[in-house]
Amino acid sequence: MRDDEIRESYFKYFNEEKLPFIQCKNCGHRFYYPRAFCPKCGSSDVEVRFSEGRGKIFAMTKIYRKDGSYVIYGIVELEEGFRMYSNIVEGNQADIAKRVEVIFKEINGKKYPLFKVI
């Protein structure tokens, strides 16, 4: 698959509320960010797979706003063994190693994956 085909398939799957990731057929490495080659071994023999969407917060940053609200960005480590950067909603419960699951939010007519604490 080409980079543009992988990116298009990601948005298609987001609209179906599925969380895609890529697995290298050569070395088995799993990664989230859409690219047509494996960052570990360089192989272009990759396939799009689907995550169950559950994992834990690996790292996070809480950004406070003047109005008292805040936004949490984090790195989520999924059960399938890959990590991804995402917003974390319901931030008052967020902390390192807390369990999370994917939810999808529509923004400007497209759905995007976010995570909530479970």
N, C-alpha and C. Protein backbone atom coordinates (compact mmCIF):
# COMPACT_ATOMS: atom_id res chain seq x y z
N MET A 1 0.83 -1.19 0.00
CA MET A 1 0.00 0.00 0.00
C MET A 1 0.88 1.25 0.00
N ARG A 2 0.38 2.30 -0.62
CA ARG A 2 1.07 3.59 -0.63
C ARG A 2 0.64 4.40 0.60
N ASP A 3 1.45 5.40 0.94
CA ASP A 3 1.14 6.26 2.09
C ASP A 3 -0.26 6.86 2.00
N ASP A 4 -0.61 7.41 0.83
CA ASP A 4 -1.92 8.06 0.69
C ASP A 4 -3.06 7.05 0.84
N GLU A 5 -2.88 5.83 0.36
CA GLU A 5 -3.91 4.79 0.52
C GLU A 5 -4.09 4.43 1.99
N ILE A 6 -2.98 4.35 2.72
CA ILE A 6 -3.07 4.03 4.14
C ILE A 6 -3.77 5.15 4.90
N ARG A 7 -3.43 6.39 4.62
CA ARG A 7 -4.08 7.53 5.29
C ARG A 7 -5.59 7.56 5.00
N GLU A 8 -5.96 7.35 3.74
CA GLU A 8 -7.37 7.31 3.37
C GLU A 8 -8.09 6.19 4.11
N SER A 9 -7.45 5.03 4.22
CA SER A 9 -8.09 3.91 4.92
C SER A 9 -8.26 4.22 6.40
N TYR A 10 -7.31 4.94 7.01
CA TYR A 10 -7.44 5.32 8.42
C TYR A 10 -8.70 6.15 8.63
N PHE A 11 -8.91 7.18 7.79
CA PHE A 11 -10.11 8.02 7.97
C PHE A 11 -11.39 7.23 7.71
N LYS A 12 -11.35 6.31 6.77
CA LYS A 12 -12.51 5.45 6.52
C LYS A 12 -12.82 4.63 7.77
N TYR A 13 -11.80 4.04 8.37
CA TYR A 13 -12.01 3.22 9.57
C TYR A 13 -12.43 4.07 10.77
N PHE A 14 -11.88 5.28 10.90
CA PHE A 14 -12.32 6.17 11.99
C PHE A 14 -13.82 6.41 11.89
N ASN A 15 -14.33 6.67 10.67
CA ASN A 15 -15.76 6.90 10.50
C ASN A 15 -16.59 5.68 10.84
N GLU A 16 -15.98 4.48 10.78
CA GLU A 16 -16.64 3.24 11.19
C GLU A 16 -16.38 2.94 12.66
N GLU A 17 -15.72 3.88 13.35
CA GLU A 17 -15.34 3.75 14.76
C GLU A 17 -14.47 2.52 15.02
N LYS A 18 -13.50 2.34 14.14
CA LYS A 18 -12.49 1.29 14.29
C LYS A 18 -11.14 1.97 14.43
N LEU A 19 -10.28 1.45 15.30
CA LEU A 19 -8.95 2.02 15.50
C LEU A 19 -7.92 1.17 14.75
N PRO A 20 -7.41 1.66 13.62
CA PRO A 20 -6.45 0.90 12.84
C PRO A 20 -5.02 1.05 13.39
N PHE A 21 -4.19 0.09 13.07
CA PHE A 21 -2.75 0.19 13.27
C PHE A 21 -2.11 -0.63 12.17
N ILE A 22 -0.81 -0.55 12.05
CA ILE A 22 -0.11 -1.26 10.99
C ILE A 22 0.81 -2.30 11.60
N GLN A 23 0.83 -3.47 10.98
CA GLN A 23 1.75 -4.53 11.40
C GLN A 23 2.62 -4.92 10.22
N CYS A 24 3.91 -5.03 10.49
CA CYS A 24 4.86 -5.45 9.46
C CYS A 24 4.77 -6.96 9.30
N LYS A 25 4.59 -7.42 8.07
CA LYS A 25 4.52 -8.86 7.80
C LYS A 25 5.90 -9.50 7.86
N ASN A 26 6.95 -8.69 7.75
CA ASN A 26 8.31 -9.21 7.77
C ASN A 26 8.82 -9.47 9.20
N CYS A 27 8.73 -8.45 10.07
CA CYS A 27 9.29 -8.59 11.42
C CYS A 27 8.24 -8.62 12.52
N GLY A 28 6.96 -8.33 12.20
CA GLY A 28 5.89 -8.35 13.19
C GLY A 28 5.72 -7.07 13.98
N HIS A 29 6.57 -6.06 13.74
CA HIS A 29 6.49 -4.80 14.48
C HIS A 29 5.14 -4.14 14.23
N ARG A 30 4.54 -3.60 15.31
CA ARG A 30 3.25 -2.91 15.22
C ARG A 30 3.45 -1.42 15.50
N PHE A 31 2.80 -0.58 14.70
CA PHE A 31 2.91 0.85 14.88
C PHE A 31 1.62 1.52 14.43
N TYR A 32 1.39 2.74 14.92
CA TYR A 32 0.14 3.43 14.64
C TYR A 32 0.22 4.38 13.46
N TYR A 33 1.22 5.22 13.42
CA TYR A 33 1.22 6.30 12.44
C TYR A 33 1.30 5.76 11.02
N PRO A 34 0.40 6.23 10.14
CA PRO A 34 0.31 5.69 8.79
C PRO A 34 1.58 5.92 7.97
N ARG A 35 2.18 4.85 7.57
CA ARG A 35 3.33 4.90 6.66
C ARG A 35 3.40 3.58 5.93
N ALA A 36 4.00 3.60 4.76
CA ALA A 36 4.00 2.42 3.88
C ALA A 36 5.21 1.52 4.09
N PHE A 37 5.99 1.77 5.13
CA PHE A 37 7.14 0.91 5.40
C PHE A 37 7.29 0.77 6.91
N CYS A 38 7.94 -0.29 7.32
CA CYS A 38 8.16 -0.56 8.74
C CYS A 38 9.31 0.29 9.26
N PRO A 39 9.10 1.04 10.36
CA PRO A 39 10.18 1.86 10.89
C PRO A 39 11.28 1.03 11.57
N LYS A 40 10.98 -0.24 11.84
CA LYS A 40 11.97 -1.10 12.50
C LYS A 40 12.89 -1.80 11.50
N CYS A 41 12.32 -2.43 10.46
CA CYS A 41 13.14 -3.21 9.53
C CYS A 41 13.19 -2.63 8.12
N GLY A 42 12.32 -1.64 7.83
CA GLY A 42 12.31 -1.00 6.52
C GLY A 42 11.49 -1.71 5.46
N SER A 43 10.86 -2.82 5.80
CA SER A 43 10.06 -3.57 4.84
C SER A 43 8.82 -2.79 4.42
N SER A 44 8.44 -2.95 3.16
CA SER A 44 7.20 -2.33 2.68
C SER A 44 6.05 -3.35 2.69
N ASP A 45 6.29 -4.51 3.24
CA ASP A 45 5.27 -5.55 3.33
C ASP A 45 4.51 -5.37 4.65
N VAL A 46 3.56 -4.43 4.64
CA VAL A 46 2.80 -4.10 5.85
C VAL A 46 1.31 -4.27 5.59
N GLU A 47 0.55 -4.44 6.68
CA GLU A 47 -0.90 -4.57 6.57
C GLU A 47 -1.58 -3.77 7.66
N VAL A 48 -2.77 -3.26 7.35
CA VAL A 48 -3.58 -2.53 8.33
C VAL A 48 -4.39 -3.55 9.12
N ARG A 49 -4.34 -3.42 10.44
CA ARG A 49 -5.11 -4.29 11.35
C ARG A 49 -5.93 -3.39 12.28
N PHE A 50 -6.69 -3.99 13.18
CA PHE A 50 -7.55 -3.22 14.07
C PHE A 50 -7.27 -3.55 15.53
N SER A 51 -7.27 -2.51 16.33
CA SER A 51 -7.07 -2.63 17.76
C SER A 51 -8.41 -2.76 18.47
N GLU A 52 -8.40 -3.37 19.62
CA GLU A 52 -9.60 -3.41 20.46
C GLU A 52 -9.83 -2.05 21.11
N GLY A 53 -8.79 -1.18 21.08
CA GLY A 53 -8.94 0.18 21.58
C GLY A 53 -8.79 0.33 23.08
N ARG A 54 -8.15 -0.65 23.73
CA ARG A 54 -7.93 -0.57 25.18
C ARG A 54 -6.44 -0.55 25.48
N GLY A 55 -6.08 0.21 26.51
CA GLY A 55 -4.68 0.27 26.89
C GLY A 55 -4.53 1.07 28.17
N LYS A 56 -3.36 1.70 28.33
CA LYS A 56 -3.09 2.49 29.52
C LYS A 56 -2.32 3.75 29.14
N ILE A 57 -2.42 4.74 30.01
CA ILE A 57 -1.70 5.99 29.78
C ILE A 57 -0.22 5.74 30.08
N PHE A 58 0.61 5.96 29.09
CA PHE A 58 2.05 5.77 29.22
C PHE A 58 2.73 7.06 29.69
N ALA A 59 2.27 8.19 29.16
CA ALA A 59 2.78 9.51 29.54
C ALA A 59 1.68 10.53 29.25
N MET A 60 1.71 11.68 29.98
CA MET A 60 0.67 12.67 29.75
C MET A 60 1.13 14.06 30.15
N THR A 61 0.46 15.05 29.58
CA THR A 61 0.67 16.46 29.90
C THR A 61 -0.69 17.10 30.10
N LYS A 62 -0.84 17.84 31.17
CA LYS A 62 -2.09 18.56 31.43
C LYS A 62 -1.82 20.04 31.20
N ILE A 63 -2.59 20.65 30.31
CA ILE A 63 -2.42 22.06 29.97
C ILE A 63 -3.61 22.83 30.55
N TYR A 64 -3.32 23.76 31.45
CA TYR A 64 -4.36 24.55 32.10
C TYR A 64 -4.63 25.81 31.30
N ARG A 65 -5.91 26.18 31.25
CA ARG A 65 -6.33 27.38 30.54
C ARG A 65 -6.71 28.46 31.55
N LYS A 66 -6.76 29.69 31.09
CA LYS A 66 -7.09 30.82 31.97
C LYS A 66 -8.47 30.68 32.59
N ASP A 67 -9.39 30.04 31.87
CA ASP A 67 -10.76 29.91 32.38
C ASP A 67 -10.92 28.77 33.40
N GLY A 68 -9.82 28.10 33.75
CA GLY A 68 -9.87 27.03 34.74
C GLY A 68 -10.01 25.64 34.14
N SER A 69 -10.31 25.56 32.87
CA SER A 69 -10.41 24.25 32.23
C SER A 69 -9.00 23.77 31.84
N TYR A 70 -8.92 22.57 31.35
CA TYR A 70 -7.63 22.03 30.94
C TYR A 70 -7.81 21.00 29.84
N VAL A 71 -6.73 20.71 29.18
CA VAL A 71 -6.70 19.71 28.11
C VAL A 71 -5.59 18.74 28.45
N ILE A 72 -5.83 17.46 28.22
CA ILE A 72 -4.79 16.46 28.49
C ILE A 72 -4.41 15.78 27.19
N TYR A 73 -3.12 15.81 26.92
CA TYR A 73 -2.54 15.08 25.80
C TYR A 73 -1.71 13.96 26.39
N GLY A 74 -1.69 12.83 25.71
CA GLY A 74 -0.90 11.75 26.27
C GLY A 74 -0.46 10.75 25.22
N ILE A 75 0.42 9.89 25.67
CA ILE A 75 0.82 8.74 24.87
C ILE A 75 0.12 7.55 25.50
N VAL A 76 -0.65 6.85 24.69
CA VAL A 76 -1.40 5.69 25.14
C VAL A 76 -0.71 4.44 24.60
N GLU A 77 -0.49 3.48 25.49
CA GLU A 77 0.08 2.20 25.09
C GLU A 77 -1.06 1.19 24.98
N LEU A 78 -1.33 0.76 23.75
CA LEU A 78 -2.44 -0.15 23.50
C LEU A 78 -2.06 -1.59 23.82
N GLU A 79 -3.05 -2.42 24.12
CA GLU A 79 -2.82 -3.82 24.45
C GLU A 79 -2.13 -4.59 23.33
N GLU A 80 -2.29 -4.12 22.10
CA GLU A 80 -1.66 -4.80 20.96
C GLU A 80 -0.16 -4.51 20.85
N GLY A 81 0.36 -3.61 21.71
CA GLY A 81 1.79 -3.38 21.77
C GLY A 81 2.31 -2.16 21.05
N PHE A 82 1.45 -1.29 20.56
CA PHE A 82 1.92 -0.06 19.94
C PHE A 82 1.49 1.12 20.79
N ARG A 83 2.12 2.27 20.57
CA ARG A 83 1.79 3.49 21.29
C ARG A 83 1.31 4.55 20.30
N MET A 84 0.43 5.42 20.79
CA MET A 84 -0.05 6.52 19.96
C MET A 84 -0.29 7.75 20.82
N TYR A 85 -0.14 8.91 20.20
CA TYR A 85 -0.36 10.19 20.84
C TYR A 85 -1.83 10.56 20.65
N SER A 86 -2.49 11.03 21.72
CA SER A 86 -3.91 11.34 21.61
C SER A 86 -4.34 12.28 22.73
N ASN A 87 -5.51 12.88 22.54
CA ASN A 87 -6.18 13.60 23.63
C ASN A 87 -6.81 12.57 24.56
N ILE A 88 -6.88 12.94 25.84
CA ILE A 88 -7.53 12.08 26.83
C ILE A 88 -8.64 12.91 27.45
N VAL A 89 -9.87 12.42 27.33
CA VAL A 89 -11.03 13.14 27.86
C VAL A 89 -11.32 12.65 29.27
N GLU A 90 -12.19 13.38 29.98
CA GLU A 90 -12.49 13.09 31.38
C GLU A 90 -11.20 13.13 32.19
N GLY A 91 -10.46 14.21 31.98
CA GLY A 91 -9.11 14.35 32.50
C GLY A 91 -8.96 14.36 34.00
N ASN A 92 -10.02 14.63 34.77
CA ASN A 92 -9.86 14.67 36.22
C ASN A 92 -9.46 13.31 36.79
N GLN A 93 -9.66 12.24 36.05
CA GLN A 93 -9.28 10.90 36.51
C GLN A 93 -7.99 10.40 35.86
N ALA A 94 -7.45 11.16 34.93
CA ALA A 94 -6.29 10.70 34.17
C ALA A 94 -5.02 10.72 35.01
N ASP A 95 -4.22 9.67 34.85
CA ASP A 95 -2.92 9.58 35.51
C ASP A 95 -2.12 8.48 34.80
N ILE A 96 -0.83 8.50 34.98
CA ILE A 96 0.03 7.48 34.38
C ILE A 96 -0.44 6.10 34.82
N ALA A 97 -0.49 5.18 33.88
CA ALA A 97 -0.87 3.77 34.08
C ALA A 97 -2.38 3.55 34.24
N LYS A 98 -3.19 4.61 34.20
CA LYS A 98 -4.65 4.44 34.26
C LYS A 98 -5.12 3.77 32.98
N ARG A 99 -6.10 2.90 33.10
CA ARG A 99 -6.67 2.20 31.96
C ARG A 99 -7.55 3.16 31.15
N VAL A 100 -7.47 3.04 29.84
CA VAL A 100 -8.25 3.88 28.94
C VAL A 100 -8.83 3.04 27.81
N GLU A 101 -9.86 3.61 27.15
CA GLU A 101 -10.40 2.98 25.96
C GLU A 101 -10.72 4.06 24.94
N VAL A 102 -10.69 3.67 23.68
CA VAL A 102 -10.90 4.62 22.60
C VAL A 102 -12.38 4.99 22.49
N ILE A 103 -12.60 6.26 22.17
CA ILE A 103 -13.92 6.75 21.77
C ILE A 103 -13.68 7.58 20.51
N PHE A 104 -14.71 7.83 19.76
CA PHE A 104 -14.55 8.62 18.54
C PHE A 104 -15.40 9.87 18.65
N LYS A 105 -14.80 10.98 18.28
CA LYS A 105 -15.48 12.27 18.34
C LYS A 105 -15.48 12.89 16.95
N GLU A 106 -16.64 13.42 16.56
CA GLU A 106 -16.73 14.08 15.26
C GLU A 106 -16.27 15.52 15.37
N ILE A 107 -15.33 15.88 14.51
CA ILE A 107 -14.79 17.24 14.45
C ILE A 107 -14.80 17.66 12.99
N ASN A 108 -15.54 18.73 12.67
CA ASN A 108 -15.63 19.24 11.30
C ASN A 108 -16.02 18.14 10.30
N GLY A 109 -16.96 17.30 10.69
CA GLY A 109 -17.49 16.29 9.78
C GLY A 109 -16.68 15.01 9.68
N LYS A 110 -15.58 14.89 10.42
CA LYS A 110 -14.78 13.67 10.40
C LYS A 110 -14.62 13.16 11.82
N LYS A 111 -14.58 11.85 11.97
CA LYS A 111 -14.39 11.26 13.30
C LYS A 111 -12.90 11.03 13.56
N TYR A 112 -12.53 11.26 14.84
CA TYR A 112 -11.15 11.08 15.28
C TYR A 112 -11.13 10.27 16.57
N PRO A 113 -10.09 9.46 16.78
CA PRO A 113 -10.00 8.69 18.01
C PRO A 113 -9.47 9.54 19.16
N LEU A 114 -10.11 9.43 20.31
CA LEU A 114 -9.68 10.01 21.59
C LEU A 114 -9.74 8.89 22.61
N PHE A 115 -9.27 9.12 23.79
CA PHE A 115 -9.33 8.09 24.83
C PHE A 115 -9.98 8.62 26.07
N LYS A 116 -10.69 7.75 26.78
CA LYS A 116 -11.29 8.12 28.05
C LYS A 116 -10.83 7.11 29.11
N VAL A 117 -10.73 7.59 30.33
CA VAL A 117 -10.34 6.74 31.45
C VAL A 117 -11.48 5.78 31.76
N ILE A 118 -11.16 4.52 32.01
CA ILE A 118 -12.20 3.53 32.37
C ILE A 118 -11.98 3.00 33.77
